N, C-alpha and C. Protein backbone atom coordinates (compact mmCIF):
# COMPACT_ATOMS: atom_id res chain seq x y z
N MET A 1 -100.90 -128.98 -132.84
CA MET A 1 -101.01 -128.78 -134.27
C MET A 1 -100.93 -127.28 -134.57
N ALA A 2 -100.25 -126.96 -135.66
CA ALA A 2 -100.08 -125.56 -136.05
C ALA A 2 -101.42 -124.94 -136.43
N THR A 3 -101.56 -123.66 -136.12
CA THR A 3 -102.81 -122.97 -136.43
C THR A 3 -102.75 -122.27 -137.78
N LYS A 4 -101.55 -122.05 -138.30
CA LYS A 4 -101.40 -121.40 -139.59
C LYS A 4 -100.57 -122.28 -140.51
N LYS A 5 -100.74 -122.07 -141.82
CA LYS A 5 -100.00 -122.84 -142.82
C LYS A 5 -99.39 -121.90 -143.85
N ILE A 6 -98.21 -122.30 -144.34
CA ILE A 6 -97.63 -121.62 -145.49
C ILE A 6 -97.29 -122.67 -146.54
N GLY A 7 -97.38 -122.29 -147.78
CA GLY A 7 -97.06 -123.19 -148.88
C GLY A 7 -95.73 -122.81 -149.50
N LEU A 8 -94.93 -123.82 -149.82
CA LEU A 8 -93.64 -123.62 -150.44
C LEU A 8 -93.55 -124.50 -151.68
N VAL A 9 -93.48 -123.88 -152.85
CA VAL A 9 -93.31 -124.62 -154.10
C VAL A 9 -91.84 -124.50 -154.49
N ILE A 10 -91.17 -125.63 -154.59
CA ILE A 10 -89.73 -125.65 -154.88
C ILE A 10 -89.54 -126.22 -156.28
N THR A 11 -88.74 -125.52 -157.09
CA THR A 11 -88.54 -125.94 -158.48
C THR A 11 -87.07 -126.18 -158.83
N HIS A 12 -86.19 -126.10 -157.84
CA HIS A 12 -84.76 -126.30 -158.10
C HIS A 12 -84.19 -127.37 -157.18
N ALA A 13 -83.11 -127.98 -157.64
CA ALA A 13 -82.38 -128.99 -156.88
C ALA A 13 -80.90 -128.72 -157.07
N GLY A 14 -80.17 -129.67 -157.60
CA GLY A 14 -78.74 -129.50 -157.83
C GLY A 14 -78.41 -128.44 -158.86
N ASP A 15 -79.38 -128.06 -159.67
CA ASP A 15 -79.15 -127.01 -160.67
C ASP A 15 -78.98 -125.64 -160.03
N ASP A 16 -79.51 -125.45 -158.81
CA ASP A 16 -79.33 -124.21 -158.06
C ASP A 16 -79.44 -124.53 -156.57
N PRO A 17 -78.36 -125.03 -155.97
CA PRO A 17 -78.40 -125.48 -154.58
C PRO A 17 -78.87 -124.42 -153.58
N GLU A 18 -78.51 -123.16 -153.83
CA GLU A 18 -78.92 -122.11 -152.90
C GLU A 18 -80.44 -121.95 -152.91
N VAL A 19 -81.03 -121.86 -154.07
CA VAL A 19 -82.48 -121.71 -154.18
C VAL A 19 -83.20 -122.97 -153.68
N ALA A 20 -82.60 -124.12 -153.85
CA ALA A 20 -83.20 -125.36 -153.36
C ALA A 20 -83.17 -125.44 -151.84
N THR A 21 -82.15 -124.86 -151.22
CA THR A 21 -81.98 -124.94 -149.77
C THR A 21 -82.84 -123.93 -149.01
N LEU A 22 -82.96 -122.72 -149.53
CA LEU A 22 -83.65 -121.65 -148.81
C LEU A 22 -85.07 -122.01 -148.34
N PRO A 23 -85.91 -122.63 -149.16
CA PRO A 23 -87.26 -122.93 -148.66
C PRO A 23 -87.27 -123.94 -147.51
N PHE A 24 -86.28 -124.81 -147.45
CA PHE A 24 -86.22 -125.74 -146.32
C PHE A 24 -85.78 -125.02 -145.05
N MET A 25 -84.99 -123.96 -145.21
CA MET A 25 -84.67 -123.12 -144.05
C MET A 25 -85.94 -122.43 -143.56
N ILE A 26 -86.73 -121.91 -144.49
CA ILE A 26 -88.01 -121.26 -144.14
C ILE A 26 -88.93 -122.27 -143.45
N ALA A 27 -89.00 -123.48 -143.96
CA ALA A 27 -89.88 -124.50 -143.39
C ALA A 27 -89.49 -124.84 -141.96
N THR A 28 -88.19 -124.97 -141.70
CA THR A 28 -87.77 -125.32 -140.33
C THR A 28 -88.05 -124.18 -139.36
N VAL A 29 -87.84 -122.95 -139.80
CA VAL A 29 -88.13 -121.80 -138.95
C VAL A 29 -89.64 -121.67 -138.73
N ALA A 30 -90.41 -121.89 -139.78
CA ALA A 30 -91.88 -121.81 -139.66
C ALA A 30 -92.38 -122.75 -138.57
N GLN A 31 -91.82 -123.94 -138.54
CA GLN A 31 -92.26 -124.90 -137.54
C GLN A 31 -91.97 -124.43 -136.11
N THR A 32 -90.87 -123.73 -135.92
CA THR A 32 -90.56 -123.21 -134.59
C THR A 32 -91.53 -122.10 -134.19
N MET A 33 -92.22 -121.53 -135.19
CA MET A 33 -93.19 -120.46 -134.94
C MET A 33 -94.62 -120.98 -134.98
N ASP A 34 -94.76 -122.32 -134.89
CA ASP A 34 -96.07 -122.97 -134.92
C ASP A 34 -96.82 -122.72 -136.23
N VAL A 35 -96.07 -122.70 -137.31
CA VAL A 35 -96.65 -122.56 -138.65
C VAL A 35 -96.31 -123.84 -139.43
N GLU A 36 -97.34 -124.48 -139.98
CA GLU A 36 -97.16 -125.74 -140.70
C GLU A 36 -96.80 -125.48 -142.17
N PRO A 37 -95.68 -126.01 -142.64
CA PRO A 37 -95.34 -125.84 -144.05
C PRO A 37 -96.00 -126.92 -144.91
N PHE A 38 -96.51 -126.51 -146.06
CA PHE A 38 -96.98 -127.43 -147.09
C PHE A 38 -95.96 -127.31 -148.21
N ILE A 39 -95.23 -128.38 -148.49
CA ILE A 39 -94.12 -128.33 -149.44
C ILE A 39 -94.45 -129.15 -150.67
N VAL A 40 -94.22 -128.51 -151.83
CA VAL A 40 -94.43 -129.16 -153.12
C VAL A 40 -93.13 -129.09 -153.91
N LEU A 41 -92.72 -130.22 -154.46
CA LEU A 41 -91.56 -130.26 -155.34
C LEU A 41 -92.04 -130.39 -156.78
N GLN A 42 -91.63 -129.45 -157.61
CA GLN A 42 -91.99 -129.47 -159.03
C GLN A 42 -90.72 -129.29 -159.86
N GLY A 43 -90.81 -129.61 -161.14
CA GLY A 43 -89.66 -129.44 -162.03
C GLY A 43 -88.46 -130.20 -161.51
N GLU A 44 -87.29 -129.59 -161.61
CA GLU A 44 -86.04 -130.23 -161.17
C GLU A 44 -86.07 -130.61 -159.69
N ALA A 45 -86.86 -129.91 -158.89
CA ALA A 45 -86.89 -130.17 -157.45
C ALA A 45 -87.39 -131.57 -157.10
N VAL A 46 -88.09 -132.24 -158.00
CA VAL A 46 -88.55 -133.59 -157.67
C VAL A 46 -87.37 -134.50 -157.34
N ARG A 47 -86.20 -134.18 -157.87
CA ARG A 47 -85.01 -134.99 -157.59
C ARG A 47 -84.66 -134.98 -156.10
N LEU A 48 -85.05 -133.93 -155.37
CA LEU A 48 -84.78 -133.86 -153.93
C LEU A 48 -85.50 -134.96 -153.17
N ALA A 49 -86.57 -135.48 -153.72
CA ALA A 49 -87.34 -136.54 -153.07
C ALA A 49 -86.78 -137.93 -153.36
N ILE A 50 -85.82 -138.03 -154.26
CA ILE A 50 -85.24 -139.32 -154.62
C ILE A 50 -84.23 -139.74 -153.54
N LYS A 51 -84.31 -140.97 -153.11
CA LYS A 51 -83.43 -141.49 -152.07
C LYS A 51 -81.97 -141.19 -152.40
N GLY A 52 -81.28 -140.53 -151.47
CA GLY A 52 -79.86 -140.27 -151.60
C GLY A 52 -79.46 -139.03 -152.37
N TYR A 53 -80.37 -138.46 -153.15
CA TYR A 53 -80.00 -137.33 -154.02
C TYR A 53 -79.58 -136.08 -153.24
N ALA A 54 -80.33 -135.71 -152.22
CA ALA A 54 -80.09 -134.45 -151.51
C ALA A 54 -78.75 -134.43 -150.77
N GLU A 55 -78.16 -135.59 -150.53
CA GLU A 55 -76.87 -135.64 -149.83
C GLU A 55 -75.78 -134.89 -150.59
N ASP A 56 -75.91 -134.78 -151.90
CA ASP A 56 -74.88 -134.14 -152.73
C ASP A 56 -75.20 -132.69 -153.09
N VAL A 57 -76.30 -132.15 -152.58
CA VAL A 57 -76.69 -130.77 -152.90
C VAL A 57 -76.25 -129.88 -151.75
N ARG A 58 -75.29 -129.01 -152.01
CA ARG A 58 -74.74 -128.12 -150.98
C ARG A 58 -74.63 -126.71 -151.51
N ALA A 59 -75.10 -125.76 -150.74
CA ALA A 59 -74.99 -124.34 -151.08
C ALA A 59 -73.98 -123.71 -150.13
N GLU A 60 -73.06 -122.97 -150.68
CA GLU A 60 -72.02 -122.34 -149.88
C GLU A 60 -72.63 -121.41 -148.82
N GLY A 61 -72.19 -121.59 -147.59
CA GLY A 61 -72.63 -120.72 -146.50
C GLY A 61 -73.96 -121.08 -145.86
N LEU A 62 -74.64 -122.12 -146.39
CA LEU A 62 -75.94 -122.51 -145.84
C LEU A 62 -75.85 -123.90 -145.20
N SER A 63 -76.77 -124.18 -144.34
CA SER A 63 -76.85 -125.52 -143.74
C SER A 63 -76.99 -126.56 -144.85
N PRO A 64 -76.45 -127.75 -144.63
CA PRO A 64 -76.59 -128.80 -145.65
C PRO A 64 -78.07 -129.09 -145.94
N LEU A 65 -78.40 -129.14 -147.20
CA LEU A 65 -79.79 -129.39 -147.61
C LEU A 65 -80.31 -130.70 -147.03
N GLU A 66 -79.49 -131.75 -147.05
CA GLU A 66 -79.93 -133.04 -146.51
C GLU A 66 -80.33 -132.92 -145.05
N ASP A 67 -79.59 -132.13 -144.26
CA ASP A 67 -79.93 -131.95 -142.84
C ASP A 67 -81.27 -131.26 -142.69
N LEU A 68 -81.49 -130.21 -143.47
CA LEU A 68 -82.76 -129.47 -143.39
C LEU A 68 -83.93 -130.32 -143.86
N LEU A 69 -83.76 -130.97 -145.00
CA LEU A 69 -84.81 -131.82 -145.56
C LEU A 69 -85.12 -132.96 -144.59
N GLY A 70 -84.09 -133.58 -144.05
CA GLY A 70 -84.29 -134.65 -143.09
C GLY A 70 -85.03 -134.19 -141.84
N ALA A 71 -84.69 -133.00 -141.36
CA ALA A 71 -85.37 -132.47 -140.17
C ALA A 71 -86.84 -132.19 -140.44
N VAL A 72 -87.13 -131.65 -141.60
CA VAL A 72 -88.53 -131.37 -141.97
C VAL A 72 -89.32 -132.68 -142.02
N LEU A 73 -88.77 -133.68 -142.68
CA LEU A 73 -89.46 -134.97 -142.78
C LEU A 73 -89.58 -135.64 -141.41
N ALA A 74 -88.53 -135.56 -140.60
CA ALA A 74 -88.56 -136.17 -139.27
C ALA A 74 -89.61 -135.54 -138.36
N SER A 75 -89.94 -134.28 -138.63
CA SER A 75 -90.95 -133.59 -137.81
C SER A 75 -92.37 -134.01 -138.17
N GLY A 76 -92.51 -134.82 -139.22
CA GLY A 76 -93.83 -135.29 -139.60
C GLY A 76 -94.44 -134.60 -140.81
N VAL A 77 -93.73 -133.62 -141.36
CA VAL A 77 -94.22 -132.96 -142.58
C VAL A 77 -94.02 -133.92 -143.75
N HIS A 78 -95.05 -134.05 -144.57
CA HIS A 78 -94.96 -134.87 -145.77
C HIS A 78 -94.77 -133.93 -146.96
N ILE A 79 -93.96 -134.35 -147.90
CA ILE A 79 -93.62 -133.51 -149.05
C ILE A 79 -94.26 -134.09 -150.30
N MET A 80 -95.03 -133.25 -150.99
CA MET A 80 -95.70 -133.66 -152.21
C MET A 80 -94.77 -133.51 -153.40
N VAL A 81 -94.77 -134.50 -154.27
CA VAL A 81 -93.94 -134.51 -155.46
C VAL A 81 -94.85 -134.53 -156.69
N CYS A 82 -94.59 -133.62 -157.61
CA CYS A 82 -95.40 -133.49 -158.82
C CYS A 82 -95.31 -134.76 -159.66
N SER A 83 -96.45 -135.37 -159.92
CA SER A 83 -96.52 -136.62 -160.66
C SER A 83 -95.93 -136.52 -162.07
N PRO A 84 -96.37 -135.55 -162.91
CA PRO A 84 -95.80 -135.48 -164.25
C PRO A 84 -94.31 -135.15 -164.26
N CYS A 85 -93.88 -134.30 -163.31
CA CYS A 85 -92.46 -133.93 -163.23
C CYS A 85 -91.60 -135.14 -162.87
N LEU A 86 -92.11 -135.98 -162.02
CA LEU A 86 -91.40 -137.19 -161.61
C LEU A 86 -91.28 -138.15 -162.80
N ALA A 87 -92.39 -138.37 -163.47
CA ALA A 87 -92.40 -139.29 -164.61
C ALA A 87 -91.50 -138.80 -165.75
N THR A 88 -91.51 -137.49 -166.01
CA THR A 88 -90.68 -136.92 -167.07
C THR A 88 -89.21 -137.22 -166.83
N ARG A 89 -88.81 -137.31 -165.59
CA ARG A 89 -87.41 -137.55 -165.25
C ARG A 89 -87.09 -139.02 -165.06
N GLY A 90 -88.06 -139.88 -165.36
CA GLY A 90 -87.82 -141.32 -165.33
C GLY A 90 -87.89 -141.97 -163.96
N TYR A 91 -88.49 -141.29 -162.99
CA TYR A 91 -88.62 -141.84 -161.64
C TYR A 91 -90.04 -142.30 -161.39
N THR A 92 -90.18 -143.17 -160.39
CA THR A 92 -91.50 -143.63 -159.98
C THR A 92 -91.64 -143.41 -158.47
N GLU A 93 -92.80 -143.69 -157.96
CA GLU A 93 -93.05 -143.53 -156.53
C GLU A 93 -92.12 -144.42 -155.69
N ASP A 94 -91.69 -145.54 -156.25
CA ASP A 94 -90.77 -146.43 -155.53
C ASP A 94 -89.40 -145.79 -155.29
N ASP A 95 -89.05 -144.77 -156.06
CA ASP A 95 -87.77 -144.09 -155.91
C ASP A 95 -87.76 -143.04 -154.80
N LEU A 96 -88.94 -142.72 -154.26
CA LEU A 96 -89.05 -141.63 -153.29
C LEU A 96 -88.60 -142.05 -151.90
N ARG A 97 -88.01 -141.09 -151.21
CA ARG A 97 -87.63 -141.32 -149.82
C ARG A 97 -88.88 -141.29 -148.95
N GLU A 98 -88.77 -141.84 -147.77
CA GLU A 98 -89.90 -141.89 -146.84
C GLU A 98 -90.36 -140.48 -146.50
N GLY A 99 -91.68 -140.28 -146.48
CA GLY A 99 -92.25 -138.98 -146.16
C GLY A 99 -92.63 -138.17 -147.39
N CYS A 100 -92.25 -138.65 -148.56
CA CYS A 100 -92.60 -137.97 -149.82
C CYS A 100 -93.69 -138.78 -150.53
N TYR A 101 -94.60 -138.08 -151.16
CA TYR A 101 -95.69 -138.75 -151.86
C TYR A 101 -95.98 -138.03 -153.17
N VAL A 102 -96.61 -138.75 -154.09
CA VAL A 102 -96.94 -138.20 -155.40
C VAL A 102 -98.32 -137.55 -155.33
N GLY A 103 -98.43 -136.35 -155.90
CA GLY A 103 -99.69 -135.63 -155.91
C GLY A 103 -99.82 -134.81 -157.18
N GLY A 104 -100.96 -134.18 -157.31
CA GLY A 104 -101.22 -133.40 -158.52
C GLY A 104 -101.79 -132.03 -158.23
N ALA A 105 -102.23 -131.40 -159.29
CA ALA A 105 -102.66 -130.00 -159.25
C ALA A 105 -103.83 -129.76 -158.29
N ALA A 106 -104.76 -130.68 -158.20
CA ALA A 106 -105.93 -130.47 -157.33
C ALA A 106 -105.51 -130.31 -155.88
N LYS A 107 -104.56 -131.12 -155.43
CA LYS A 107 -104.07 -131.02 -154.04
C LYS A 107 -103.36 -129.69 -153.81
N ILE A 108 -102.63 -129.21 -154.81
CA ILE A 108 -101.95 -127.91 -154.68
C ILE A 108 -102.97 -126.79 -154.55
N VAL A 109 -104.02 -126.84 -155.36
CA VAL A 109 -105.06 -125.81 -155.29
C VAL A 109 -105.74 -125.84 -153.93
N GLU A 110 -106.04 -127.02 -153.42
CA GLU A 110 -106.65 -127.13 -152.09
C GLU A 110 -105.74 -126.49 -151.04
N ALA A 111 -104.45 -126.79 -151.12
CA ALA A 111 -103.50 -126.23 -150.15
C ALA A 111 -103.41 -124.72 -150.28
N MET A 112 -103.46 -124.20 -151.50
CA MET A 112 -103.41 -122.75 -151.70
C MET A 112 -104.56 -122.07 -150.99
N LEU A 113 -105.70 -122.70 -150.98
CA LEU A 113 -106.87 -122.13 -150.33
C LEU A 113 -106.76 -122.17 -148.81
N GLU A 114 -105.94 -123.09 -148.28
CA GLU A 114 -105.79 -123.24 -146.84
C GLU A 114 -104.62 -122.43 -146.26
N CYS A 115 -103.64 -122.10 -147.09
CA CYS A 115 -102.42 -121.47 -146.59
C CYS A 115 -102.54 -119.95 -146.50
N GLU A 116 -101.84 -119.40 -145.52
CA GLU A 116 -101.76 -117.95 -145.36
C GLU A 116 -101.06 -117.31 -146.55
N ASN A 117 -99.97 -117.93 -146.97
CA ASN A 117 -99.15 -117.46 -148.10
C ASN A 117 -98.60 -118.65 -148.84
N PHE A 118 -98.27 -118.44 -150.10
CA PHE A 118 -97.65 -119.46 -150.93
C PHE A 118 -96.44 -118.83 -151.57
N LEU A 119 -95.26 -119.42 -151.39
CA LEU A 119 -94.03 -118.92 -151.96
C LEU A 119 -93.48 -119.90 -152.97
N SER A 120 -92.88 -119.39 -154.00
CA SER A 120 -92.28 -120.26 -155.02
C SER A 120 -90.79 -119.98 -155.12
N TYR A 121 -90.01 -121.04 -155.11
CA TYR A 121 -88.55 -120.95 -155.21
C TYR A 121 -88.09 -121.71 -156.43
């Protein structure tokens, strides 16, 4: 188990593929350094948790987002999805891909207190 944690709040998806992809690159590298990522999807980024959505998000010159996201989830990291942001976009928990769960502000605050750093994209 990792001894350190970092938090990544992601707020973009297909609206800005580069910004949506970069935190998943950070998360995969963090894991190789024995650092556990805590990932939160808010705003437009909640769409990344919807089954099949990330397959169409590509940033020029970067690894495919679906590959990075899939690798993070396959490693056992669970991704929190903002409840109000999900509902605003007409999605429910049933629309989420495996490894993603719905959470709220209290869980984010708890994670902030546990993480070495928190980055927002």
